[in-house]
Amino acid sequence: PEGQVYQAWEIADNGPVSLGIWSERVLEIPRPLLEGSTFGITLEPAGGSLQPTSTPIVAVPLSS
């Protein structure tokens, strides 16, 4: 939506860590994600947020 971006997060015991924002179809994650963490996507204000401001629209637990 106009004025908003998708923002990816790695959510672990120490809280959410931003993996970046994007508006295209492809997101390049800058590093491997930790086993046992959760990969999440939120819709955030343009420019992104320091912490998620909405409930994730995607949340995928990562395991081996």
Protein backbone atom coordinates (compact mmCIF):
# COMPACT_ATOMS: atom_id res chain seq x y z
CA PRO A 1 0.00 0.00 0.00
CA GLU A 2 1.06 3.57 -0.61
CA GLY A 3 3.20 4.97 2.19
CA GLN A 4 4.05 1.52 3.53
CA VAL A 5 6.77 -1.08 2.97
CA TYR A 6 7.25 -4.73 3.80
CA GLN A 7 9.87 -5.30 6.49
CA ALA A 8 11.42 -8.66 7.32
CA TRP A 9 12.42 -9.69 10.84
CA GLU A 10 14.31 -12.42 12.59
CA ILE A 11 12.53 -12.98 15.89
CA ALA A 12 14.52 -14.79 18.59
CA ASP A 13 14.81 -14.79 22.38
CA ASN A 14 16.43 -11.33 22.33
CA GLY A 15 13.52 -9.85 20.33
CA PRO A 16 13.02 -8.87 16.69
CA VAL A 17 15.96 -7.82 14.51
CA SER A 18 15.27 -6.11 11.20
CA LEU A 19 16.45 -7.90 8.08
CA GLY A 20 15.53 -4.96 5.87
CA ILE A 21 12.70 -3.45 3.88
CA TRP A 22 11.67 -4.01 0.30
CA SER A 23 9.00 -3.18 -2.22
CA GLU A 24 10.02 -5.57 -5.00
CA ARG A 25 9.23 -9.29 -5.29
CA VAL A 26 12.63 -10.46 -4.01
CA LEU A 27 14.17 -9.97 -0.57
CA GLU A 28 17.86 -10.72 -0.11
CA ILE A 29 18.56 -11.67 3.48
CA PRO A 30 22.04 -10.44 4.48
CA ARG A 31 23.00 -13.44 6.65
CA PRO A 32 21.91 -16.94 7.66
CA LEU A 33 19.07 -17.00 10.19
CA LEU A 34 19.42 -18.72 13.53
CA GLU A 35 17.91 -22.15 14.00
CA GLY A 36 14.99 -21.86 16.41
CA SER A 37 14.22 -18.25 15.47
CA THR A 38 11.15 -17.09 13.55
CA PHE A 39 11.18 -15.31 10.18
CA GLY A 40 8.47 -12.65 10.09
CA ILE A 41 7.16 -10.00 7.71
CA THR A 42 5.25 -6.89 8.75
CA LEU A 43 3.78 -3.93 6.91
CA GLU A 44 5.51 -0.78 8.17
CA PRO A 45 5.54 2.96 7.46
CA ALA A 46 7.72 4.11 4.55
CA GLY A 47 11.39 3.81 5.53
CA GLY A 48 10.74 0.94 7.95
CA SER A 49 10.66 0.79 11.73
CA LEU A 50 13.13 0.07 14.52
CA GLN A 51 10.66 -2.46 15.95
CA PRO A 52 7.59 -4.08 14.39
CA THR A 53 4.52 -1.83 14.62
CA SER A 54 2.02 -4.42 13.45
CA THR A 55 1.24 -8.10 13.82
CA PRO A 56 3.30 -10.16 11.35
CA ILE A 57 1.46 -11.06 8.15
CA VAL A 58 3.89 -13.99 7.83
CA ALA A 59 5.58 -15.82 10.72
CA VAL A 60 7.58 -18.97 9.98
CA PRO A 61 9.39 -20.86 12.77
CA LEU A 62 12.84 -22.03 11.60
CA SER A 63 14.14 -25.45 12.53
CA SER A 64 16.51 -28.00 11.07
